[in-house]
Amino acid sequence: MNTHDKHMQMFCDARLYLVTSQSLSKGRTTLEIVRCALVAGVKLIQLREKDMPLQQYIELAQKVRDLTRPYDCLLIINDRIDIALAVGADGVHLGLDDFPIDAARTIGEDLIIGSSSHNIEEAKAAEDAGASYVNIGPIFTTQTKNWTEEYLGLEGLKQISEHVSIPFTVMGGIKRSHIPELCAAGARTIALVTAVTADANPEKAARELLDEIRCHVIS
């Protein structure tokens, strides 16, 4: 099994996909949140700091990589494939206006490459371009993304997921109470931000979310 496929197996086994946001962490640093998540058993983290200056982002990425490695936790970098490669991250998540997926695959053969998708056409295009997984969202109302269209909801999730054959994640306003219905709708990897980062006890929140997902996922 090559590195990409091995990491994708780890990706699919992780179930909970924590996405960081220092501005939505109640005054705590992203490093503090990451430490809590790792202790709780989180095995998949995306570093996503949209408003952080580049040099600070690079330095943070290296620190997060150093933290995640001993825990065998996958690290995905949002947007910046150059930073992902520089710090030895396991993957990169690309938005629709970011670095092209096919070009990213050329320079990062073993990287997990994720892509955002908001409809069937975007999801299929990402798969055709060589994405490792697609993120479907936003599912519910969320404060982490500027969004002026309708939220996808469970029906939108079902419609999009039926048209992709690669793994997919779901994201957007997800709380613990949503997990049973999301898993019943076919979700296997739940991506979220504030359900962990804004919780009074991030470690406890992450552990409980992991347990909840594992209770409802149908293998």
C-alpha atoms as a PDB file:
ATOM      1  CA  MET A   1       0.000   0.000   0.000  1.00  0.00           C
ATOM      2  CA  ASN A   2       1.472   3.372  -1.002  1.00  0.00           C
ATOM      3  CA  THR A   3       1.673   6.359   1.337  1.00  0.00           C
ATOM      4  CA  HIS A   4      -1.421   8.052  -0.058  1.00  0.00           C
ATOM      5  CA  ASP A   5      -3.599   4.978   0.280  1.00  0.00           C
ATOM      6  CA  LYS A   6      -2.296   4.254   3.783  1.00  0.00           C
ATOM      7  CA  HIS A   7      -3.074   7.787   4.858  1.00  0.00           C
ATOM      8  CA  MET A   8      -6.517   7.662   3.284  1.00  0.00           C
ATOM      9  CA  GLN A   9      -7.287   4.542   5.287  1.00  0.00           C
ATOM     10  CA  MET A  10      -6.271   6.456   8.402  1.00  0.00           C
ATOM     11  CA  PHE A  11      -8.387   9.386   7.186  1.00  0.00           C
ATOM     12  CA  CYS A  12     -11.486   7.213   6.837  1.00  0.00           C
ATOM     13  CA  ASP A  13     -10.898   5.565  10.211  1.00  0.00           C
ATOM     14  CA  ALA A  14     -10.563   8.907  12.021  1.00  0.00           C
ATOM     15  CA  ARG A  15     -14.309   9.744  11.913  1.00  0.00           C
ATOM     16  CA  LEU A  16     -13.894  13.180  13.546  1.00  0.00           C
ATOM     17  CA  TYR A  17     -12.204  15.885  11.462  1.00  0.00           C
ATOM     18  CA  LEU A  18     -11.263  18.875  13.582  1.00  0.00           C
ATOM     19  CA  VAL A  19     -10.766  22.144  11.696  1.00  0.00           C
ATOM     20  CA  THR A  20      -9.012  24.893  13.626  1.00  0.00           C
ATOM     21  CA  SER A  21      -9.869  28.558  13.970  1.00  0.00           C
ATOM     22  CA  GLN A  22      -7.992  30.602  16.546  1.00  0.00           C
ATOM     23  CA  SER A  23     -10.500  33.446  16.207  1.00  0.00           C
ATOM     24  CA  LEU A  24     -13.286  31.057  17.261  1.00  0.00           C
ATOM     25  CA  SER A  25     -11.443  29.471  20.179  1.00  0.00           C
ATOM     26  CA  LYS A  26     -12.647  31.693  23.029  1.00  0.00           C
ATOM     27  CA  GLY A  27      -9.268  33.375  23.538  1.00  0.00           C
ATOM     28  CA  ARG A  28      -7.275  30.146  23.480  1.00  0.00           C
ATOM     29  CA  THR A  29      -4.540  29.469  20.962  1.00  0.00           C
ATOM     30  CA  THR A  30      -4.817  26.918  18.195  1.00  0.00           C
ATOM     31  CA  LEU A  31      -1.928  25.041  19.801  1.00  0.00           C
ATOM     32  CA  GLU A  32      -3.933  24.729  23.017  1.00  0.00           C
ATOM     33  CA  ILE A  33      -6.939  23.405  21.107  1.00  0.00           C
ATOM     34  CA  VAL A  34      -4.794  20.949  19.158  1.00  0.00           C
ATOM     35  CA  ARG A  35      -3.222  19.615  22.347  1.00  0.00           C
ATOM     36  CA  CYS A  36      -6.663  19.032  23.855  1.00  0.00           C
ATOM     37  CA  ALA A  37      -7.881  17.282  20.708  1.00  0.00           C
ATOM     38  CA  LEU A  38      -4.863  14.988  20.549  1.00  0.00           C
ATOM     39  CA  VAL A  39      -5.273  13.933  24.178  1.00  0.00           C
ATOM     40  CA  ALA A  40      -8.949  13.226  23.434  1.00  0.00           C
ATOM     41  CA  GLY A  41      -7.983  10.862  20.616  1.00  0.00           C
ATOM     42  CA  VAL A  42      -8.558  13.005  17.525  1.00  0.00           C
ATOM     43  CA  LYS A  43      -6.605  11.564  14.571  1.00  0.00           C
ATOM     44  CA  LEU A  44      -7.419  14.095  11.834  1.00  0.00           C
ATOM     45  CA  ILE A  45      -6.839  17.844  12.056  1.00  0.00           C
ATOM     46  CA  GLN A  46      -6.999  20.594   9.461  1.00  0.00           C
ATOM     47  CA  LEU A  47      -5.045  23.763  10.176  1.00  0.00           C
ATOM     48  CA  ARG A  48      -7.273  26.550   8.881  1.00  0.00           C
ATOM     49  CA  GLU A  49      -6.314  30.079   9.908  1.00  0.00           C
ATOM     50  CA  LYS A  50      -7.671  32.400   7.233  1.00  0.00           C
ATOM     51  CA  ASP A  51      -6.659  35.683   8.862  1.00  0.00           C
ATOM     52  CA  MET A  52      -3.171  34.754  10.016  1.00  0.00           C
ATOM     53  CA  PRO A  53      -0.117  36.422   8.415  1.00  0.00           C
ATOM     54  CA  LEU A  54       1.870  34.067   6.215  1.00  0.00           C
ATOM     55  CA  GLN A  55       5.030  33.814   8.330  1.00  0.00           C
ATOM     56  CA  GLN A  56       3.009  33.208  11.473  1.00  0.00           C
ATOM     57  CA  TYR A  57       0.956  30.583   9.626  1.00  0.00           C
ATOM     58  CA  ILE A  58       4.106  28.741   8.544  1.00  0.00           C
ATOM     59  CA  GLU A  59       5.521  28.777  12.062  1.00  0.00           C
ATOM     60  CA  LEU A  60       2.230  27.564  13.498  1.00  0.00           C
ATOM     61  CA  ALA A  61       1.996  24.818  10.893  1.00  0.00           C
ATOM     62  CA  GLN A  62       5.409  23.490  11.896  1.00  0.00           C
ATOM     63  CA  LYS A  63       4.482  23.522  15.580  1.00  0.00           C
ATOM     64  CA  VAL A  64       1.214  21.695  14.874  1.00  0.00           C
ATOM     65  CA  ARG A  65       3.068  19.148  12.739  1.00  0.00           C
ATOM     66  CA  ASP A  66       5.492  18.544  15.601  1.00  0.00           C
ATOM     67  CA  LEU A  67       2.549  18.070  17.987  1.00  0.00           C
ATOM     68  CA  THR A  68       0.532  15.730  15.777  1.00  0.00           C
ATOM     69  CA  ARG A  69       3.322  13.414  14.645  1.00  0.00           C
ATOM     70  CA  PRO A  70       3.825  11.489  17.934  1.00  0.00           C
ATOM     71  CA  TYR A  71       0.066  10.857  18.074  1.00  0.00           C
ATOM     72  CA  ASP A  72      -0.108   9.451  14.513  1.00  0.00           C
ATOM     73  CA  CYS A  73      -2.603  12.204  13.780  1.00  0.00           C
ATOM     74  CA  LEU A  74      -3.010  13.283  10.176  1.00  0.00           C
ATOM     75  CA  LEU A  75      -2.411  16.975   9.491  1.00  0.00           C
ATOM     76  CA  ILE A  76      -4.123  18.719   6.588  1.00  0.00           C
ATOM     77  CA  ILE A  77      -3.236  22.326   5.715  1.00  0.00           C
ATOM     78  CA  ASN A  78      -5.976  24.577   4.400  1.00  0.00           C
ATOM     79  CA  ASP A  79      -5.328  26.322   1.068  1.00  0.00           C
ATOM     80  CA  ARG A  80      -1.528  26.341   1.059  1.00  0.00           C
ATOM     81  CA  ILE A  81       0.104  23.366  -0.645  1.00  0.00           C
ATOM     82  CA  ASP A  82       3.476  25.086  -0.298  1.00  0.00           C
ATOM     83  CA  ILE A  83       3.139  25.134   3.478  1.00  0.00           C
ATOM     84  CA  ALA A  84       1.854  21.549   3.507  1.00  0.00           C
ATOM     85  CA  LEU A  85       4.956  20.384   1.650  1.00  0.00           C
ATOM     86  CA  ALA A  86       7.317  22.588   3.668  1.00  0.00           C
ATOM     87  CA  VAL A  87       6.248  21.221   7.060  1.00  0.00           C
ATOM     88  CA  GLY A  88       5.696  17.626   5.964  1.00  0.00           C
ATOM     89  CA  ALA A  89       1.919  17.672   6.400  1.00  0.00           C
ATOM     90  CA  ASP A  90      -0.134  14.719   5.218  1.00  0.00           C
ATOM     91  CA  GLY A  91      -2.417  16.698   2.981  1.00  0.00           C
ATOM     92  CA  VAL A  92      -3.931  19.931   1.780  1.00  0.00           C
ATOM     93  CA  HIS A  93      -7.526  21.090   1.537  1.00  0.00           C
ATOM     94  CA  LEU A  94      -8.249  23.272  -1.476  1.00  0.00           C
ATOM     95  CA  GLY A  95     -11.179  25.605  -1.921  1.00  0.00           C
ATOM     96  CA  LEU A  96     -12.761  26.175  -5.298  1.00  0.00           C
ATOM     97  CA  ASP A  97     -10.599  29.249  -5.955  1.00  0.00           C
ATOM     98  CA  ASP A  98      -7.362  27.776  -4.595  1.00  0.00           C
ATOM     99  CA  PHE A  99      -4.517  25.880  -6.259  1.00  0.00           C
ATOM    100  CA  PRO A 100      -5.897  23.491  -8.937  1.00  0.00           C
ATOM    101  CA  ILE A 101      -6.345  19.893  -7.804  1.00  0.00           C
ATOM    102  CA  ASP A 102      -4.661  18.300 -10.818  1.00  0.00           C
ATOM    103  CA  ALA A 103      -1.607  20.545 -10.427  1.00  0.00           C
ATOM    104  CA  ALA A 104      -1.497  19.815  -6.699  1.00  0.00           C
ATOM    105  CA  ARG A 105      -1.485  16.107  -7.445  1.00  0.00           C
ATOM    106  CA  THR A 106       1.454  16.574  -9.795  1.00  0.00           C
ATOM    107  CA  ILE A 107       3.655  18.155  -7.141  1.00  0.00           C
ATOM    108  CA  GLY A 108       2.262  16.248  -4.170  1.00  0.00           C
ATOM    109  CA  GLU A 109       1.798  12.704  -5.405  1.00  0.00           C
ATOM    110  CA  ASP A 110       1.381  11.208  -1.915  1.00  0.00           C
ATOM    111  CA  LEU A 111      -0.632  14.050  -0.395  1.00  0.00           C
ATOM    112  CA  ILE A 112      -4.217  13.692   0.694  1.00  0.00           C
ATOM    113  CA  ILE A 113      -5.941  16.350  -1.415  1.00  0.00           C
ATOM    114  CA  GLY A 114      -9.351  17.523  -0.329  1.00  0.00           C
ATOM    115  CA  SER A 115     -11.711  19.836  -2.148  1.00  0.00           C
ATOM    116  CA  SER A 116     -14.710  21.886  -1.102  1.00  0.00           C
ATOM    117  CA  SER A 117     -17.997  21.184  -2.878  1.00  0.00           C
ATOM    118  CA  HIS A 118     -21.399  22.775  -2.565  1.00  0.00           C
ATOM    119  CA  ASN A 119     -23.259  20.870  -5.297  1.00  0.00           C
ATOM    120  CA  ILE A 120     -23.099  17.748  -7.444  1.00  0.00           C
ATOM    121  CA  GLU A 121     -21.166  19.403 -10.261  1.00  0.00           C
ATOM    122  CA  GLU A 122     -18.392  20.657  -7.985  1.00  0.00           C
ATOM    123  CA  ALA A 123     -18.086  17.300  -6.228  1.00  0.00           C
ATOM    124  CA  LYS A 124     -17.842  15.356  -9.475  1.00  0.00           C
ATOM    125  CA  ALA A 125     -15.340  17.833 -10.929  1.00  0.00           C
ATOM    126  CA  ALA A 126     -13.128  17.449  -7.857  1.00  0.00           C
ATOM    127  CA  GLU A 127     -13.221  13.669  -8.114  1.00  0.00           C
ATOM    128  CA  ASP A 128     -12.399  13.786 -11.828  1.00  0.00           C
ATOM    129  CA  ALA A 129      -9.462  16.126 -11.137  1.00  0.00           C
ATOM    130  CA  GLY A 130      -7.900  13.661  -8.702  1.00  0.00           C
ATOM    131  CA  ALA A 131      -9.116  14.741  -5.264  1.00  0.00           C
ATOM    132  CA  SER A 132      -8.709  12.216  -2.456  1.00  0.00           C
ATOM    133  CA  TYR A 133     -11.925  13.352  -0.795  1.00  0.00           C
ATOM    134  CA  VAL A 134     -14.568  16.040  -1.127  1.00  0.00           C
ATOM    135  CA  ASN A 135     -16.078  18.101   1.640  1.00  0.00           C
ATOM    136  CA  ILE A 136     -19.832  18.549   1.292  1.00  0.00           C
ATOM    137  CA  GLY A 137     -21.268  21.661   2.895  1.00  0.00           C
ATOM    138  CA  PRO A 138     -22.283  23.848   4.439  1.00  0.00           C
ATOM    139  CA  ILE A 139     -24.924  21.494   5.846  1.00  0.00           C
ATOM    140  CA  PHE A 140     -26.373  23.753   8.525  1.00  0.00           C
ATOM    141  CA  THR A 141     -26.126  27.441   9.448  1.00  0.00           C
ATOM    142  CA  THR A 142     -22.534  28.266  10.337  1.00  0.00           C
ATOM    143  CA  GLN A 143     -20.483  31.243  11.511  1.00  0.00           C
ATOM    144  CA  THR A 144     -17.223  29.928  10.030  1.00  0.00           C
ATOM    145  CA  LYS A 145     -18.143  30.546   6.386  1.00  0.00           C
ATOM    146  CA  ASN A 146     -19.700  33.487   4.574  1.00  0.00           C
ATOM    147  CA  TRP A 147     -22.659  31.937   2.775  1.00  0.00           C
ATOM    148  CA  THR A 148     -25.548  33.613   0.967  1.00  0.00           C
ATOM    149  CA  GLU A 149     -27.180  30.563  -0.630  1.00  0.00           C
ATOM    150  CA  GLU A 150     -29.397  27.912   0.913  1.00  0.00           C
ATOM    151  CA  TYR A 151     -27.759  25.501   3.307  1.00  0.00           C
ATOM    152  CA  LEU A 152     -27.628  21.960   1.965  1.00  0.00           C
ATOM    153  CA  GLY A 153     -29.294  20.161   4.841  1.00  0.00           C
ATOM    154  CA  LEU A 154     -29.634  16.389   4.922  1.00  0.00           C
ATOM    155  CA  GLU A 155     -31.304  16.169   1.531  1.00  0.00           C
ATOM    156  CA  GLY A 156     -28.542  18.119  -0.143  1.00  0.00           C
ATOM    157  CA  LEU A 157     -25.985  15.872   1.510  1.00  0.00           C
ATOM    158  CA  LYS A 158     -27.735  12.762   0.216  1.00  0.00           C
ATOM    159  CA  GLN A 159     -28.038  14.124  -3.315  1.00  0.00           C
ATOM    160  CA  ILE A 160     -24.360  15.056  -3.599  1.00  0.00           C
ATOM    161  CA  SER A 161     -22.920  11.999  -1.855  1.00  0.00           C
ATOM    162  CA  GLU A 162     -24.775   9.654  -4.214  1.00  0.00           C
ATOM    163  CA  HIS A 163     -22.748  11.040  -7.123  1.00  0.00           C
ATOM    164  CA  VAL A 164     -19.230  10.612  -5.731  1.00  0.00           C
ATOM    165  CA  SER A 165     -17.263   7.412  -5.300  1.00  0.00           C
ATOM    166  CA  ILE A 166     -14.368   8.862  -3.288  1.00  0.00           C
ATOM    167  CA  PRO A 167     -14.626   9.485   0.479  1.00  0.00           C
ATOM    168  CA  PHE A 168     -16.480  12.598   1.571  1.00  0.00           C
ATOM    169  CA  THR A 169     -16.669  14.711   4.690  1.00  0.00           C
ATOM    170  CA  VAL A 170     -19.527  16.903   5.870  1.00  0.00           C
ATOM    171  CA  MET A 171     -19.196  20.322   7.453  1.00  0.00           C
ATOM    172  CA  GLY A 172     -21.127  23.433   8.404  1.00  0.00           C
ATOM    173  CA  GLY A 173     -22.759  24.236  11.733  1.00  0.00           C
ATOM    174  CA  ILE A 174     -22.524  20.664  12.998  1.00  0.00           C
ATOM    175  CA  LYS A 175     -23.183  20.029  16.682  1.00  0.00           C
ATOM    176  CA  ARG A 176     -23.246  16.804  18.655  1.00  0.00           C
ATOM    177  CA  SER A 177     -27.042  16.633  18.368  1.00  0.00           C
ATOM    178  CA  HIS A 178     -26.757  16.490  14.547  1.00  0.00           C
ATOM    179  CA  ILE A 179     -24.523  13.421  14.477  1.00  0.00           C
ATOM    180  CA  PRO A 180     -27.187  10.660  14.536  1.00  0.00           C
ATOM    181  CA  GLU A 181     -29.088  12.103  11.578  1.00  0.00           C
ATOM    182  CA  LEU A 182     -25.915  12.851   9.630  1.00  0.00           C
ATOM    183  CA  CYS A 183     -24.666   9.287  10.070  1.00  0.00           C
ATOM    184  CA  ALA A 184     -28.094   7.950   9.108  1.00  0.00           C
ATOM    185  CA  ALA A 185     -27.816  10.048   5.930  1.00  0.00           C
ATOM    186  CA  GLY A 186     -24.532   8.368   5.036  1.00  0.00           C
ATOM    187  CA  ALA A 187     -21.873  10.593   6.635  1.00  0.00           C
ATOM    188  CA  ARG A 188     -18.812   8.775   7.951  1.00  0.00           C
ATOM    189  CA  THR A 189     -16.358  11.622   8.574  1.00  0.00           C
ATOM    190  CA  ILE A 190     -17.700  14.648  10.430  1.00  0.00           C
ATOM    191  CA  ALA A 191     -15.779  17.927  10.091  1.00  0.00           C
ATOM    192  CA  LEU A 192     -16.409  20.671  12.595  1.00  0.00           C
ATOM    193  CA  VAL A 193     -14.907  23.737  14.216  1.00  0.00           C
ATOM    194  CA  THR A 194     -16.719  25.429  17.079  1.00  0.00           C
ATOM    195  CA  ALA A 195     -18.237  22.279  18.599  1.00  0.00           C
ATOM    196  CA  VAL A 196     -14.679  21.753  19.877  1.00  0.00           C
ATOM    197  CA  THR A 197     -12.831  25.076  19.602  1.00  0.00           C
ATOM    198  CA  ALA A 198     -15.510  27.177  21.314  1.00  0.00           C
ATOM    199  CA  ASP A 199     -16.453  24.639  23.970  1.00  0.00           C
ATOM    200  CA  ALA A 200     -15.560  25.403  27.573  1.00  0.00           C
ATOM    201  CA  ASN A 201     -13.750  22.048  27.723  1.00  0.00           C
ATOM    202  CA  PRO A 202     -12.351  21.239  24.261  1.00  0.00           C
ATOM    203  CA  GLU A 203     -10.813  17.928  25.320  1.00  0.00           C
ATOM    204  CA  LYS A 204     -14.085  16.649  26.792  1.00  0.00           C
ATOM    205  CA  ALA A 205     -16.054  17.937  23.793  1.00  0.00           C
ATOM    206  CA  ALA A 206     -13.757  16.204  21.305  1.00  0.00           C
ATOM    207  CA  ARG A 207     -13.884  12.925  23.223  1.00  0.00           C
ATOM    208  CA  GLU A 208     -17.679  12.984  23.426  1.00  0.00           C
ATOM    209  CA  LEU A 209     -18.022  13.841  19.735  1.00  0.00           C
ATOM    210  CA  LEU A 210     -15.736  10.958  18.783  1.00  0.00           C
ATOM    211  CA  ASP A 211     -17.737   8.561  20.922  1.00  0.00           C
ATOM    212  CA  GLU A 212     -20.998   9.805  19.430  1.00  0.00           C
ATOM    213  CA  ILE A 213     -19.814   9.349  15.851  1.00  0.00           C
ATOM    214  CA  ARG A 214     -18.470   5.866  16.552  1.00  0.00           C
ATOM    215  CA  CYS A 215     -21.814   4.887  18.062  1.00  0.00           C
ATOM    216  CA  HIS A 216     -23.715   5.836  14.925  1.00  0.00           C
ATOM    217  CA  VAL A 217     -21.400   5.116  12.008  1.00  0.00           C
ATOM    218  CA  ILE A 218     -22.397   2.062  10.018  1.00  0.00           C
ATOM    219  CA  SER A 219     -19.207   0.532   8.629  1.00  0.00           C
END
